[in-house]
């Protein structure tokens, strides 16, 4: 009888431990609540409309605000163009080293790099064009790549990932298409899901995934990294239109990499949208950075303080 009682006691104790939350869960939940409050405060003070989707890639926990609202994407849609370029390279339909000779007919306004090259003479690889598209958001380079991979193929990739509200509907600087309502769009949740699928190598093999994020992390003037450490790897693509500011990407914090997508529209002042993105980004980084360096109890042990 005593043996049965002992076994029963042990089982009850084990069940109690199984039901008890891990030491970090409750404390980290408080951090997530504070992040949610910070995001809500930015949203409250913004003279415009903001959508946010943040995902902890290590735990799957997320924070969402207007996550299913459709926002204009501007140049952030170039993430999908880049993904389709790499998918076709993986399938052998093209090579990233394929050469392209720049033509005068390729050039559209706001092409900082291609516009300064010599048409008919300058030869670039498709990967060169992709890097230019990401680094300085060159619209001519983007349009060349859209022609090369096919707009329908970009949208077919999005369909294959069950992202029906993320669409490439026009080439860059096609004002006629834009005036007809053919805007490039996405929702915060769907852009998050696209980046998560790419991060987890569900779209590309590991080698292609690594190079994809290498190109996407090319240094650029953008708002997610604005107040973050200079040596932090951030693979992102901002977008800007009149009344619109967006930025979506993956921030590679050790132990807690995360996806962050912040979209703003109906802005009275575009600078306010840029600041909103930077403020949300900093708040997210501060939380993930803290969790990455702390024990389950929240103790941070830096090398210089290891003996204290």
Protein backbone atom coordinates (compact mmCIF):
# COMPACT_ATOMS: atom_id res chain seq x y z
CA UNK A 1 0.00 0.00 0.00
CA UNK A 2 2.82 2.36 0.90
CA UNK A 3 4.45 1.74 -2.46
CA UNK A 4 1.21 2.62 -4.24
CA UNK A 5 0.87 5.78 -2.16
CA UNK A 6 4.45 6.75 -2.97
CA UNK A 7 3.90 6.20 -6.69
CA UNK A 8 0.70 8.21 -6.57
CA UNK A 9 2.49 11.04 -4.77
CA UNK A 10 5.29 11.06 -7.34
CA UNK A 11 2.80 11.14 -10.20
CA UNK A 12 0.92 14.05 -8.62
CA UNK A 13 4.17 15.93 -8.09
CA UNK A 14 5.25 15.33 -11.69
CA UNK A 15 1.85 16.49 -12.94
CA UNK A 16 2.12 19.65 -10.87
CA UNK A 17 5.54 20.41 -12.34
CA UNK A 18 4.24 19.71 -15.85
CA UNK A 19 1.40 22.17 -15.35
CA UNK A 20 3.62 24.85 -13.84
CA UNK A 21 4.88 27.40 -16.35
CA UNK A 22 8.55 27.46 -17.23
CA UNK A 23 10.42 30.11 -15.17
CA UNK A 24 10.75 32.44 -18.15
CA UNK A 25 7.19 32.25 -19.47
CA UNK A 26 5.40 34.58 -17.06
CA UNK A 27 8.22 37.14 -17.00
CA UNK A 28 8.62 37.14 -20.77
CA UNK A 29 4.85 37.45 -21.15
CA UNK A 30 5.12 40.68 -19.15
CA UNK A 31 7.77 41.91 -21.62
CA UNK A 32 5.47 41.11 -24.54
CA UNK A 33 2.66 43.02 -22.83
CA UNK A 34 4.92 46.03 -22.41
CA UNK A 35 5.90 45.81 -26.08
CA UNK A 36 2.22 45.70 -26.99
CA UNK A 37 1.64 48.80 -24.88
CA UNK A 38 4.54 50.59 -26.59
CA UNK A 39 3.17 49.72 -30.04
CA UNK A 40 -0.30 50.88 -28.99
CA UNK A 41 1.17 54.19 -27.80
CA UNK A 42 2.89 54.76 -31.15
CA UNK A 43 -0.33 53.91 -32.96
CA UNK A 44 -2.32 56.27 -30.75
CA UNK A 45 0.01 59.19 -31.47
CA UNK A 46 0.36 58.60 -35.22
CA UNK A 47 -1.71 60.81 -37.51
CA UNK A 48 -2.31 57.98 -39.93
CA UNK A 49 -3.03 54.23 -39.91
CA UNK A 50 -0.46 51.66 -38.79
CA UNK A 51 -0.31 47.87 -39.05
CA UNK A 52 2.25 45.73 -37.23
CA UNK A 53 3.26 42.07 -37.27
CA UNK A 54 6.16 40.84 -35.13
CA UNK A 55 7.14 37.17 -34.78
CA UNK A 56 9.69 35.53 -32.48
CA UNK A 57 11.23 32.93 -34.80
CA UNK A 58 12.53 30.91 -31.85
CA UNK A 59 9.22 30.53 -29.98
CA UNK A 60 6.50 31.37 -32.50
CA UNK A 61 5.00 34.04 -30.25
CA UNK A 62 3.73 37.09 -32.10
CA UNK A 63 2.32 40.58 -31.70
CA UNK A 64 -0.23 41.78 -34.23
CA UNK A 65 -2.01 45.07 -34.96
CA UNK A 66 -4.34 45.47 -37.96
CA UNK A 67 -2.49 42.44 -39.27
CA UNK A 68 -5.05 41.60 -41.97
CA UNK A 69 -5.54 45.10 -43.35
CA UNK A 70 -4.24 45.59 -46.90
CA UNK A 71 -1.55 48.28 -47.21
CA UNK A 72 0.25 49.71 -50.26
CA UNK A 73 3.72 48.18 -50.32
CA UNK A 74 5.77 50.50 -52.53
CA UNK A 75 9.28 49.04 -52.70
CA UNK A 76 8.70 46.47 -49.93
CA UNK A 77 7.08 44.27 -52.61
CA UNK A 78 10.59 43.79 -54.00
CA UNK A 79 11.08 41.10 -51.33
CA UNK A 80 8.66 38.93 -53.33
CA UNK A 81 10.46 39.73 -56.61
CA UNK A 82 13.78 38.74 -55.03
CA UNK A 83 12.29 35.51 -53.71
CA UNK A 84 10.99 34.52 -57.15
CA UNK A 85 14.36 35.32 -58.75
CA UNK A 86 16.07 32.95 -56.33
CA UNK A 87 13.39 30.29 -56.75
CA UNK A 88 13.87 30.29 -60.51
CA UNK A 89 17.65 30.12 -60.04
CA UNK A 90 17.15 27.10 -57.78
CA UNK A 91 14.92 25.47 -60.40
CA UNK A 92 17.56 26.04 -63.08
CA UNK A 93 15.34 28.35 -65.14
CA UNK A 94 18.00 31.04 -64.89
CA UNK A 95 21.36 31.64 -63.25
CA UNK A 96 22.15 34.46 -60.88
CA UNK A 97 25.33 34.92 -62.93
CA UNK A 98 23.38 35.39 -66.18
CA UNK A 99 24.53 38.61 -67.87
CA UNK A 100 22.33 41.55 -68.80
CA UNK A 101 23.28 44.56 -70.90
CA UNK A 102 21.64 47.74 -69.67
CA UNK A 103 19.43 49.41 -72.31
CA UNK A 104 18.22 52.98 -72.53
CA UNK A 105 14.64 51.69 -72.67
CA UNK A 106 15.11 50.14 -69.21
CA UNK A 107 15.49 53.48 -67.48
CA UNK A 108 12.69 54.98 -65.40
CA UNK A 109 12.77 57.95 -62.99
CA UNK A 110 14.45 57.56 -59.58
CA UNK A 111 17.01 55.03 -60.82
CA UNK A 112 20.04 56.11 -58.82
CA UNK A 113 22.43 53.50 -60.21
CA UNK A 114 21.20 52.26 -63.58
CA UNK A 115 20.44 55.83 -64.61
CA UNK A 116 24.13 56.66 -64.27
CA UNK A 117 25.41 53.68 -66.27
CA UNK A 118 26.14 53.60 -69.99
CA UNK A 119 23.33 51.91 -71.97
CA UNK A 120 24.45 49.34 -74.50
CA UNK A 121 27.83 49.00 -72.82
CA UNK A 122 27.33 48.23 -69.11
CA UNK A 123 26.89 44.52 -68.38
CA UNK A 124 25.58 43.28 -65.03
CA UNK A 125 24.64 39.87 -63.62
CA UNK A 126 21.12 39.21 -62.41
CA UNK A 127 22.51 39.06 -58.88
CA UNK A 128 24.08 42.49 -59.43
CA UNK A 129 20.68 43.81 -60.44
CA UNK A 130 19.12 42.21 -57.35
CA UNK A 131 21.69 43.84 -55.08
CA UNK A 132 21.07 47.24 -56.70
CA UNK A 133 17.32 46.69 -56.31
CA UNK A 134 17.73 46.04 -52.59
CA UNK A 135 20.51 48.46 -51.67
CA UNK A 136 19.23 51.62 -53.33
CA UNK A 137 15.77 50.42 -54.41
CA UNK A 138 16.66 51.12 -58.04
CA UNK A 139 13.38 50.96 -59.96
CA UNK A 140 14.96 50.29 -63.36
CA UNK A 141 16.84 47.28 -61.96
CA UNK A 142 13.59 46.07 -60.39
CA UNK A 143 11.67 46.33 -63.66
CA UNK A 144 14.36 44.39 -65.51
CA UNK A 145 14.03 41.61 -62.93
CA UNK A 146 10.22 41.67 -63.08
CA UNK A 147 10.45 41.21 -66.86
CA UNK A 148 12.98 38.41 -66.38
CA UNK A 149 11.06 36.37 -63.79
CA UNK A 150 7.51 37.34 -64.86
CA UNK A 151 4.90 39.15 -62.79
CA UNK A 152 2.56 36.15 -62.96
CA UNK A 153 5.28 33.91 -61.57
CA UNK A 154 5.83 36.22 -58.59
CA UNK A 155 2.12 36.02 -57.81
CA UNK A 156 2.12 32.25 -58.35
CA UNK A 157 4.83 31.98 -55.67
CA UNK A 158 2.65 34.02 -53.32
CA UNK A 159 -0.33 31.79 -54.12
CA UNK A 160 1.73 28.69 -53.35
CA UNK A 161 2.38 30.12 -49.89
CA UNK A 162 -1.32 30.95 -49.35
CA UNK A 163 -0.75 34.70 -49.42
CA UNK A 164 -3.74 35.89 -51.49
CA UNK A 165 -3.60 39.53 -50.41
CA UNK A 166 0.06 40.05 -51.31
CA UNK A 167 0.19 41.00 -54.99
CA UNK A 168 2.62 42.39 -57.52
CA UNK A 169 0.22 44.27 -59.83
CA UNK A 170 2.45 46.71 -61.65
CA UNK A 171 6.05 47.56 -62.42
CA UNK A 172 7.83 50.37 -60.64
CA UNK A 173 6.97 53.96 -61.61
CA UNK A 174 3.97 52.85 -63.68
CA UNK A 175 1.86 55.84 -62.74
CA UNK A 176 -0.88 54.94 -65.20
CA UNK A 177 -1.38 51.55 -63.55
CA UNK A 178 -1.29 53.16 -60.11
CA UNK A 179 -3.91 55.74 -61.14
CA UNK A 180 -6.11 52.83 -62.28
CA UNK A 181 -5.88 51.31 -58.81
CA UNK A 182 -3.34 48.60 -59.67
CA UNK A 183 -1.23 49.00 -56.55
CA UNK A 184 1.33 46.55 -55.14
CA UNK A 185 -0.12 45.42 -51.82
CA UNK A 186 0.23 43.13 -48.81
CA UNK A 187 -0.97 42.76 -45.25
CA UNK A 188 1.36 42.82 -42.22
CA UNK A 189 0.54 39.18 -41.44
CA UNK A 190 1.17 37.98 -44.99
CA UNK A 191 4.50 39.78 -45.30
CA UNK A 192 5.46 38.23 -41.97
CA UNK A 193 4.47 34.78 -43.25
CA UNK A 194 6.47 35.28 -46.46
CA UNK A 195 9.60 36.21 -44.53
CA UNK A 196 9.07 33.37 -42.05
CA UNK A 197 8.74 30.84 -44.89
CA UNK A 198 11.94 32.18 -46.45
CA UNK A 199 13.79 32.13 -43.11
CA UNK A 200 12.76 28.53 -42.42
CA UNK A 201 13.95 27.47 -45.91
CA UNK A 202 10.45 26.48 -47.02
CA UNK A 203 10.85 28.40 -50.29
CA UNK A 204 14.54 27.91 -51.10
CA UNK A 205 17.15 25.32 -50.20
CA UNK A 206 19.61 26.22 -47.40
CA UNK A 207 22.32 27.54 -49.72
CA UNK A 208 19.91 29.71 -51.70
CA UNK A 209 18.25 30.86 -48.47
CA UNK A 210 21.59 32.00 -47.10
CA UNK A 211 22.42 33.99 -50.23
CA UNK A 212 18.89 35.43 -50.43
CA UNK A 213 19.26 36.90 -46.94
CA UNK A 214 22.79 38.04 -47.70
CA UNK A 215 21.45 40.17 -50.55
CA UNK A 216 18.42 41.34 -48.56
CA UNK A 217 20.70 42.42 -45.69
CA UNK A 218 22.75 44.68 -47.98
CA UNK A 219 23.11 48.00 -46.16
CA UNK A 220 20.41 50.51 -47.07
CA UNK A 221 18.80 53.69 -45.82
CA UNK A 222 15.74 52.39 -43.98
CA UNK A 223 13.75 52.67 -40.76
CA UNK A 224 13.88 49.26 -39.06
CA UNK A 225 17.67 49.56 -38.56
CA UNK A 226 17.68 53.32 -37.87
CA UNK A 227 18.25 53.12 -34.08
CA UNK A 228 19.64 49.58 -33.86
CA UNK A 229 23.32 48.54 -33.48
CA UNK A 230 25.35 49.02 -36.64
CA UNK A 231 26.80 45.49 -36.52
CA UNK A 232 23.41 43.76 -36.26
CA UNK A 233 22.40 41.74 -39.34
CA UNK A 234 19.05 43.01 -40.63
CA UNK A 235 17.52 41.73 -43.87
CA UNK A 236 14.80 44.22 -44.75
CA UNK A 237 13.21 46.27 -47.52
CA UNK A 238 11.52 49.60 -46.91
CA UNK A 239 8.91 51.19 -49.13
CA UNK A 240 7.77 54.79 -49.62
CA UNK A 241 4.95 56.49 -51.48
CA UNK A 242 3.12 59.73 -50.84
CA UNK A 243 1.29 59.18 -47.56
CA UNK A 244 2.83 55.72 -47.15
CA UNK A 245 5.88 54.35 -45.33
CA UNK A 246 6.62 50.63 -44.79
CA UNK A 247 9.47 48.40 -43.73
CA UNK A 248 9.56 44.61 -43.41
CA UNK A 249 12.43 42.30 -42.56
CA UNK A 250 14.18 39.77 -40.37
CA UNK A 251 16.40 40.93 -37.49
CA UNK A 252 19.03 38.31 -36.64
CA UNK A 253 19.29 38.70 -32.86
CA UNK A 254 21.24 35.81 -31.34
CA UNK A 255 18.87 33.13 -29.92
CA UNK A 256 15.82 35.28 -30.69
CA UNK A 257 15.76 36.24 -34.39
CA UNK A 258 12.49 37.87 -35.31
CA UNK A 259 10.38 39.11 -38.20
CA UNK A 260 9.06 42.66 -38.02
CA UNK A 261 6.67 44.28 -40.47
CA UNK A 262 5.43 47.82 -39.86
CA UNK A 263 3.16 49.46 -42.42
CA UNK A 264 1.73 52.97 -42.35
CA UNK A 265 -0.68 54.75 -44.66
CA UNK A 266 -2.99 57.78 -44.72
CA UNK A 267 -0.08 59.69 -43.21
CA UNK A 268 -0.44 63.40 -42.76
CA UNK A 269 3.35 63.63 -42.61
CA UNK A 270 5.57 60.88 -44.03
CA UNK A 271 8.28 61.63 -41.46
CA UNK A 272 5.87 60.63 -38.73
CA UNK A 273 5.44 57.25 -40.40
CA UNK A 274 9.21 56.80 -40.62
CA UNK A 275 9.57 57.66 -36.94
CA UNK A 276 6.76 55.31 -36.00
CA UNK A 277 8.52 52.42 -37.75
CA UNK A 278 11.84 53.27 -36.07
CA UNK A 279 10.20 53.55 -32.64
CA UNK A 280 8.38 50.20 -32.93
CA UNK A 281 11.58 48.61 -34.26
CA UNK A 282 13.65 49.86 -31.33
CA UNK A 283 11.08 48.70 -28.78
CA UNK A 284 11.02 45.23 -30.37
CA UNK A 285 14.81 45.00 -30.51
CA UNK A 286 15.19 46.01 -26.86
CA UNK A 287 12.88 43.18 -25.81
CA UNK A 288 14.40 40.49 -28.02
CA UNK A 289 17.95 41.56 -27.18
CA UNK A 290 17.18 41.35 -23.46
CA UNK A 291 15.63 37.89 -23.80
CA UNK A 292 18.57 36.68 -25.87
CA UNK A 293 21.13 37.67 -23.22
CA UNK A 294 19.21 36.75 -20.06
CA UNK A 295 18.64 33.58 -18.07
CA UNK A 296 15.12 32.26 -17.46
CA UNK A 297 15.03 34.49 -14.38
CA UNK A 298 16.14 37.55 -16.32
CA UNK A 299 19.71 37.71 -15.07
CA UNK A 300 22.14 39.02 -17.66
CA UNK A 301 25.73 37.89 -17.22
CA UNK A 302 28.21 39.87 -19.27
CA UNK A 303 31.85 38.71 -19.43
CA UNK A 304 33.08 41.70 -17.44
CA UNK A 305 30.57 40.97 -14.65
CA UNK A 306 30.83 37.20 -14.53
CA UNK A 307 32.36 37.17 -11.06
CA UNK A 308 29.78 39.44 -9.41
